[in-house]
All heavy atoms as atom14 arrays in JSON, in Angstrom:
{
  "sequence": "MNSLKPEDTAIYYCAATPAPTSQIPMATILYNS",
  "atom14_mask": [
    [1, 1, 1, 1, 1, 1, 1, 1, 0, 0, 0, 0, 0, 0],
    [1, 1, 1, 1, 1, 1, 1, 1, 0, 0, 0, 0, 0, 0],
    [1, 1, 1, 1, 1, 1, 0, 0, 0, 0, 0, 0, 0, 0],
    [1, 1, 1, 1, 1, 1, 1, 1, 0, 0, 0, 0, 0, 0],
    [1, 1, 1, 1, 1, 1, 1, 1, 1, 0, 0, 0, 0, 0],
    [1, 1, 1, 1, 1, 1, 1, 0, 0, 0, 0, 0, 0, 0],
    [1, 1, 1, 1, 1, 1, 1, 1, 1, 0, 0, 0, 0, 0],
    [1, 1, 1, 1, 1, 1, 1, 1, 0, 0, 0, 0, 0, 0],
    [1, 1, 1, 1, 1, 1, 1, 0, 0, 0, 0, 0, 0, 0],
    [1, 1, 1, 1, 1, 0, 0, 0, 0, 0, 0, 0, 0, 0],
    [1, 1, 1, 1, 1, 1, 1, 1, 0, 0, 0, 0, 0, 0],
    [1, 1, 1, 1, 1, 1, 1, 1, 1, 1, 1, 1, 0, 0],
    [1, 1, 1, 1, 1, 1, 1, 1, 1, 1, 1, 1, 0, 0],
    [1, 1, 1, 1, 1, 1, 0, 0, 0, 0, 0, 0, 0, 0],
    [1, 1, 1, 1, 1, 0, 0, 0, 0, 0, 0, 0, 0, 0],
    [1, 1, 1, 1, 1, 0, 0, 0, 0, 0, 0, 0, 0, 0],
    [1, 1, 1, 1, 1, 1, 1, 0, 0, 0, 0, 0, 0, 0],
    [1, 1, 1, 1, 1, 1, 1, 0, 0, 0, 0, 0, 0, 0],
    [1, 1, 1, 1, 1, 0, 0, 0, 0, 0, 0, 0, 0, 0],
    [1, 1, 1, 1, 1, 1, 1, 0, 0, 0, 0, 0, 0, 0],
    [1, 1, 1, 1, 1, 1, 1, 0, 0, 0, 0, 0, 0, 0],
    [1, 1, 1, 1, 1, 1, 0, 0, 0, 0, 0, 0, 0, 0],
    [1, 1, 1, 1, 1, 1, 1, 1, 1, 0, 0, 0, 0, 0],
    [1, 1, 1, 1, 1, 1, 1, 1, 0, 0, 0, 0, 0, 0],
    [1, 1, 1, 1, 1, 1, 1, 0, 0, 0, 0, 0, 0, 0],
    [1, 1, 1, 1, 1, 1, 1, 1, 0, 0, 0, 0, 0, 0],
    [1, 1, 1, 1, 1, 0, 0, 0, 0, 0, 0, 0, 0, 0],
    [1, 1, 1, 1, 1, 1, 1, 0, 0, 0, 0, 0, 0, 0],
    [1, 1, 1, 1, 1, 1, 1, 1, 0, 0, 0, 0, 0, 0],
    [1, 1, 1, 1, 1, 1, 1, 1, 0, 0, 0, 0, 0, 0],
    [1, 1, 1, 1, 1, 1, 1, 1, 1, 1, 1, 1, 0, 0],
    [1, 1, 1, 1, 1, 1, 1, 1, 0, 0, 0, 0, 0, 0],
    [1, 1, 1, 1, 1, 1, 0, 0, 0, 0, 0, 0, 0, 0]
  ],
  "atom14_positions": [
    [[-48.33, -35.24, 13.55], [-47.96, -35.63, 12.2], [-47.68, -34.37, 11.39], [-48.58, -33.56, 11.17], [-49.06, -36.45, 11.55], [-49.46, -37.69, 12.36], [-50.64, -38.75, 11.5], [-52.06, -37.65, 11.42], [0.0, 0.0, 0.0], [0.0, 0.0, 0.0], [0.0, 0.0, 0.0], [0.0, 0.0, 0.0], [0.0, 0.0, 0.0], [0.0, 0.0, 0.0]],
    [[-46.44, -34.21, 10.94], [-46.02, -33.08, 10.13], [-45.57, -33.54, 8.76], [-45.27, -34.71, 8.55], [-44.89, -32.32, 10.82], [-45.26, -31.78, 12.17], [-46.37, -31.29, 12.37], [-44.32, -31.85, 13.12], [0.0, 0.0, 0.0], [0.0, 0.0, 0.0], [0.0, 0.0, 0.0], [0.0, 0.0, 0.0], [0.0, 0.0, 0.0], [0.0, 0.0, 0.0]],
    [[-45.48, -32.6, 7.83], [-45.03, -32.89, 6.46], [-45.77, -34.08, 5.88], [-45.18, -35.0, 5.31], [-43.52, -33.13, 6.44], [-42.82, -32.0, 6.93], [0.0, 0.0, 0.0], [0.0, 0.0, 0.0], [0.0, 0.0, 0.0], [0.0, 0.0, 0.0], [0.0, 0.0, 0.0], [0.0, 0.0, 0.0], [0.0, 0.0, 0.0], [0.0, 0.0, 0.0]],
    [[-47.08, -34.07, 6.0], [-47.89, -35.21, 5.58], [-47.83, -35.42, 4.08], [-47.75, -34.47, 3.3], [-49.33, -35.02, 6.04], [-49.57, -35.29, 7.52], [-50.88, -34.69, 7.98], [-49.55, -36.8, 7.79], [0.0, 0.0, 0.0], [0.0, 0.0, 0.0], [0.0, 0.0, 0.0], [0.0, 0.0, 0.0], [0.0, 0.0, 0.0], [0.0, 0.0, 0.0]],
    [[-47.86, -36.69, 3.69], [-47.81, -37.11, 2.3], [-49.08, -37.89, 1.95], [-49.71, -38.47, 2.83], [-46.59, -38.01, 2.05], [-45.27, -37.4, 2.46], [-44.14, -38.41, 2.3], [-42.81, -37.83, 2.72], [-41.71, -38.82, 2.58], [0.0, 0.0, 0.0], [0.0, 0.0, 0.0], [0.0, 0.0, 0.0], [0.0, 0.0, 0.0], [0.0, 0.0, 0.0]],
    [[-49.46, -37.93, 0.67], [-50.63, -38.72, 0.3], [-50.55, -40.18, 0.75], [-51.58, -40.78, 1.07], [-50.67, -38.6, -1.22], [-50.03, -37.28, -1.5], [-48.95, -37.14, -0.47], [0.0, 0.0, 0.0], [0.0, 0.0, 0.0], [0.0, 0.0, 0.0], [0.0, 0.0, 0.0], [0.0, 0.0, 0.0], [0.0, 0.0, 0.0], [0.0, 0.0, 0.0]],
    [[-49.35, -40.76, 0.78], [-49.21, -42.14, 1.21], [-49.44, -42.34, 2.7], [-49.47, -43.48, 3.18], [-47.83, -42.7, 0.81], [-46.67, -41.81, 1.21], [-46.18, -40.93, 0.08], [-47.01, -40.31, -0.6], [-44.95, -40.87, -0.13], [0.0, 0.0, 0.0], [0.0, 0.0, 0.0], [0.0, 0.0, 0.0], [0.0, 0.0, 0.0], [0.0, 0.0, 0.0]],
    [[-49.6, -41.26, 3.46], [-49.98, -41.36, 4.87], [-51.48, -41.57, 5.04], [-51.93, -41.8, 6.17], [-49.56, -40.11, 5.63], [-48.06, -39.93, 5.7], [-47.34, -40.93, 5.9], [-47.59, -38.78, 5.55], [0.0, 0.0, 0.0], [0.0, 0.0, 0.0], [0.0, 0.0, 0.0], [0.0, 0.0, 0.0], [0.0, 0.0, 0.0], [0.0, 0.0, 0.0]],
    [[-52.24, -41.49, 3.98], [-53.68, -41.67, 4.05], [-54.02, -43.06, 4.55], [-53.58, -44.06, 3.99], [-54.32, -41.43, 2.68], [-54.13, -40.07, 2.3], [-55.81, -41.74, 2.71], [0.0, 0.0, 0.0], [0.0, 0.0, 0.0], [0.0, 0.0, 0.0], [0.0, 0.0, 0.0], [0.0, 0.0, 0.0], [0.0, 0.0, 0.0], [0.0, 0.0, 0.0]],
    [[-54.8, -43.14, 5.64], [-55.14, -44.42, 6.26], [-56.09, -44.17, 7.41], [-56.31, -43.02, 7.82], [-53.89, -45.13, 6.77], [0.0, 0.0, 0.0], [0.0, 0.0, 0.0], [0.0, 0.0, 0.0], [0.0, 0.0, 0.0], [0.0, 0.0, 0.0], [0.0, 0.0, 0.0], [0.0, 0.0, 0.0], [0.0, 0.0, 0.0], [0.0, 0.0, 0.0]],
    [[-56.64, -45.25, 7.95], [-57.31, -45.2, 9.24], [-56.24, -45.41, 10.31], [-55.49, -46.39, 10.25], [-58.42, -46.26, 9.36], [-59.48, -46.05, 8.28], [-59.06, -46.2, 10.74], [-60.54, -47.12, 8.26], [0.0, 0.0, 0.0], [0.0, 0.0, 0.0], [0.0, 0.0, 0.0], [0.0, 0.0, 0.0], [0.0, 0.0, 0.0], [0.0, 0.0, 0.0]],
    [[-56.18, -44.52, 11.28], [-55.18, -44.58, 12.34], [-55.82, -45.1, 13.62], [-56.88, -44.64, 14.03], [-54.56, -43.2, 12.58], [-53.55, -42.83, 11.52], [-53.96, -42.53, 10.22], [-52.19, -42.8, 11.82], [-53.03, -42.21, 9.25], [-51.26, -42.47, 10.85], [-51.68, -42.17, 9.56], [-50.77, -41.85, 8.59], [0.0, 0.0, 0.0], [0.0, 0.0, 0.0]],
    [[-55.16, -46.09, 14.26], [-55.67, -46.74, 15.45], [-54.7, -46.55, 16.62], [-53.5, -46.79, 16.48], [-55.85, -48.25, 15.23], [-56.86, -48.61, 14.16], [-56.47, -48.74, 12.83], [-58.19, -48.82, 14.49], [-57.39, -49.09, 11.86], [-59.11, -49.17, 13.52], [-58.7, -49.3, 12.2], [-59.63, -49.64, 11.24], [0.0, 0.0, 0.0], [0.0, 0.0, 0.0]],
    [[-55.22, -46.16, 17.76], [-54.46, -46.13, 19.0], [-54.49, -47.51, 19.63], [-55.51, -48.21, 19.57], [-55.04, -45.08, 19.95], [-54.11, -44.84, 21.47], [0.0, 0.0, 0.0], [0.0, 0.0, 0.0], [0.0, 0.0, 0.0], [0.0, 0.0, 0.0], [0.0, 0.0, 0.0], [0.0, 0.0, 0.0], [0.0, 0.0, 0.0], [0.0, 0.0, 0.0]],
    [[-53.38, -47.93, 20.24], [-53.28, -49.25, 20.85], [-52.47, -49.18, 22.14], [-51.66, -48.26, 22.32], [-52.65, -50.25, 19.88], [0.0, 0.0, 0.0], [0.0, 0.0, 0.0], [0.0, 0.0, 0.0], [0.0, 0.0, 0.0], [0.0, 0.0, 0.0], [0.0, 0.0, 0.0], [0.0, 0.0, 0.0], [0.0, 0.0, 0.0], [0.0, 0.0, 0.0]],
    [[-52.66, -50.17, 23.02], [-51.95, -50.2, 24.29], [-51.71, -51.63, 24.74], [-52.46, -52.54, 24.39], [-52.74, -49.44, 25.37], [0.0, 0.0, 0.0], [0.0, 0.0, 0.0], [0.0, 0.0, 0.0], [0.0, 0.0, 0.0], [0.0, 0.0, 0.0], [0.0, 0.0, 0.0], [0.0, 0.0, 0.0], [0.0, 0.0, 0.0], [0.0, 0.0, 0.0]],
    [[-50.65, -51.81, 25.53], [-50.32, -53.11, 26.12], [-49.75, -52.9, 27.51], [-49.02, -51.93, 27.75], [-49.31, -53.88, 25.25], [-48.96, -55.1, 25.92], [-48.05, -53.07, 24.99], [0.0, 0.0, 0.0], [0.0, 0.0, 0.0], [0.0, 0.0, 0.0], [0.0, 0.0, 0.0], [0.0, 0.0, 0.0], [0.0, 0.0, 0.0], [0.0, 0.0, 0.0]],
    [[-50.06, -53.79, 28.47], [-49.5, -53.66, 29.82], [-48.09, -54.18, 29.96], [-47.47, -53.95, 30.99], [-50.46, -54.49, 30.68], [-50.95, -55.55, 29.75], [-51.05, -54.89, 28.4], [0.0, 0.0, 0.0], [0.0, 0.0, 0.0], [0.0, 0.0, 0.0], [0.0, 0.0, 0.0], [0.0, 0.0, 0.0], [0.0, 0.0, 0.0], [0.0, 0.0, 0.0]],
    [[-47.56, -54.88, 28.97], [-46.26, -55.54, 29.07], [-45.13, -54.57, 28.74], [-45.04, -54.11, 27.6], [-46.2, -56.75, 28.16], [0.0, 0.0, 0.0], [0.0, 0.0, 0.0], [0.0, 0.0, 0.0], [0.0, 0.0, 0.0], [0.0, 0.0, 0.0], [0.0, 0.0, 0.0], [0.0, 0.0, 0.0], [0.0, 0.0, 0.0], [0.0, 0.0, 0.0]],
    [[-44.24, -54.28, 29.71], [-43.09, -53.4, 29.45], [-41.94, -54.18, 28.84], [-40.96, -54.51, 29.51], [-42.75, -52.86, 30.83], [-43.13, -53.96, 31.76], [-44.33, -54.65, 31.13], [0.0, 0.0, 0.0], [0.0, 0.0, 0.0], [0.0, 0.0, 0.0], [0.0, 0.0, 0.0], [0.0, 0.0, 0.0], [0.0, 0.0, 0.0], [0.0, 0.0, 0.0]],
    [[-42.02, -54.49, 27.57], [-40.99, -55.24, 26.87], [-39.74, -54.39, 26.66], [-39.77, -53.17, 26.76], [-41.51, -55.75, 25.52], [-42.03, -54.65, 24.77], [-42.61, -56.78, 25.73], [0.0, 0.0, 0.0], [0.0, 0.0, 0.0], [0.0, 0.0, 0.0], [0.0, 0.0, 0.0], [0.0, 0.0, 0.0], [0.0, 0.0, 0.0], [0.0, 0.0, 0.0]],
    [[-38.62, -55.08, 26.37], [-37.35, -54.4, 26.19], [-37.37, -53.46, 25.0], [-36.7, -52.42, 25.0], [-36.21, -55.41, 26.05], [-36.45, -56.29, 24.97], [0.0, 0.0, 0.0], [0.0, 0.0, 0.0], [0.0, 0.0, 0.0], [0.0, 0.0, 0.0], [0.0, 0.0, 0.0], [0.0, 0.0, 0.0], [0.0, 0.0, 0.0], [0.0, 0.0, 0.0]],
    [[-38.11, -53.83, 23.97], [-38.34, -52.96, 22.82], [-39.84, -52.72, 22.66], [-40.64, -53.61, 22.92], [-37.8, -53.59, 21.53], [-36.31, -53.41, 21.32], [-35.91, -53.77, 19.9], [-36.22, -54.87, 19.43], [-35.23, -52.87, 19.22], [0.0, 0.0, 0.0], [0.0, 0.0, 0.0], [0.0, 0.0, 0.0], [0.0, 0.0, 0.0], [0.0, 0.0, 0.0]],
    [[-40.21, -51.54, 22.23], [-41.61, -51.26, 21.94], [-42.03, -52.17, 20.8], [-41.45, -52.12, 19.72], [-41.81, -49.78, 21.58], [-41.49, -48.91, 22.79], [-43.22, -49.54, 21.08], [-41.46, -47.43, 22.49], [0.0, 0.0, 0.0], [0.0, 0.0, 0.0], [0.0, 0.0, 0.0], [0.0, 0.0, 0.0], [0.0, 0.0, 0.0], [0.0, 0.0, 0.0]],
    [[-43.05, -53.02, 21.01], [-43.42, -53.99, 19.98], [-44.08, -53.34, 18.78], [-44.78, -52.32, 18.9], [-44.38, -54.94, 20.72], [-44.95, -54.11, 21.82], [-43.85, -53.16, 22.23], [0.0, 0.0, 0.0], [0.0, 0.0, 0.0], [0.0, 0.0, 0.0], [0.0, 0.0, 0.0], [0.0, 0.0, 0.0], [0.0, 0.0, 0.0], [0.0, 0.0, 0.0]],
    [[-43.87, -53.95, 17.62], [-44.44, -53.48, 16.38], [-45.56, -54.38, 15.86], [-46.26, -53.98, 14.93], [-43.36, -53.35, 15.3], [-42.24, -52.38, 15.66], [-40.92, -52.3, 14.42], [-41.78, -51.54, 13.06], [0.0, 0.0, 0.0], [0.0, 0.0, 0.0], [0.0, 0.0, 0.0], [0.0, 0.0, 0.0], [0.0, 0.0, 0.0], [0.0, 0.0, 0.0]],
    [[-45.72, -55.57, 16.44], [-46.71, -56.53, 15.98], [-48.06, -56.23, 16.61], [-48.17, -56.03, 17.82], [-46.28, -57.94, 16.31], [0.0, 0.0, 0.0], [0.0, 0.0, 0.0], [0.0, 0.0, 0.0], [0.0, 0.0, 0.0], [0.0, 0.0, 0.0], [0.0, 0.0, 0.0], [0.0, 0.0, 0.0], [0.0, 0.0, 0.0], [0.0, 0.0, 0.0]],
    [[-49.1, -56.25, 15.81], [-50.45, -55.96, 16.3], [-50.9, -56.95, 17.36], [-51.62, -56.57, 18.29], [-51.46, -55.96, 15.14], [-51.44, -57.24, 14.49], [-51.12, -54.87, 14.14], [0.0, 0.0, 0.0], [0.0, 0.0, 0.0], [0.0, 0.0, 0.0], [0.0, 0.0, 0.0], [0.0, 0.0, 0.0], [0.0, 0.0, 0.0], [0.0, 0.0, 0.0]],
    [[-50.46, -58.21, 17.27], [-50.91, -59.25, 18.19], [-50.43, -58.99, 19.61], [-51.01, -59.52, 20.57], [-50.46, -60.64, 17.7], [-51.22, -61.75, 18.41], [-48.95, -60.79, 17.86], [-50.95, -63.12, 17.84], [0.0, 0.0, 0.0], [0.0, 0.0, 0.0], [0.0, 0.0, 0.0], [0.0, 0.0, 0.0], [0.0, 0.0, 0.0], [0.0, 0.0, 0.0]],
    [[-49.42, -58.17, 19.8], [-48.87, -57.89, 21.13], [-49.59, -56.75, 21.84], [-49.24, -56.43, 22.97], [-47.38, -57.6, 21.02], [-46.53, -58.76, 20.48], [-45.07, -58.36, 20.38], [-46.69, -60.0, 21.34], [0.0, 0.0, 0.0], [0.0, 0.0, 0.0], [0.0, 0.0, 0.0], [0.0, 0.0, 0.0], [0.0, 0.0, 0.0], [0.0, 0.0, 0.0]],
    [[-50.56, -56.15, 21.22], [-51.37, -55.11, 21.83], [-52.77, -55.65, 22.12], [-53.38, -56.28, 21.25], [-51.45, -53.87, 20.93], [-50.14, -53.14, 20.83], [-49.13, -53.59, 19.99], [-49.91, -51.99, 21.58], [-47.92, -52.93, 19.91], [-48.7, -51.32, 21.5], [-47.71, -51.79, 20.66], [-46.52, -51.12, 20.58], [0.0, 0.0, 0.0], [0.0, 0.0, 0.0]],
    [[-53.27, -55.41, 23.32], [-54.54, -55.99, 23.73], [-55.68, -54.99, 23.87], [-56.81, -55.38, 24.17], [-54.38, -56.77, 25.04], [-53.99, -55.89, 26.2], [-53.64, -54.73, 26.05], [-54.06, -56.46, 27.41], [0.0, 0.0, 0.0], [0.0, 0.0, 0.0], [0.0, 0.0, 0.0], [0.0, 0.0, 0.0], [0.0, 0.0, 0.0], [0.0, 0.0, 0.0]],
    [[-55.41, -53.7, 23.68], [-56.45, -52.68, 23.73], [-56.35, -51.81, 22.49], [-55.25, -51.42, 22.09], [-56.31, -51.81, 24.98], [-56.51, -52.58, 26.16], [0.0, 0.0, 0.0], [0.0, 0.0, 0.0], [0.0, 0.0, 0.0], [0.0, 0.0, 0.0], [0.0, 0.0, 0.0], [0.0, 0.0, 0.0], [0.0, 0.0, 0.0], [0.0, 0.0, 0.0]]
  ]
}
């Protein structure tokens, strides 16, 4: 993370899914770890 801004302030979570979808999913429900 470069050029950080105050609006970047948050708790950051790593996530993973075994499904190789055509597009990298953006919905939280599609990640299981």
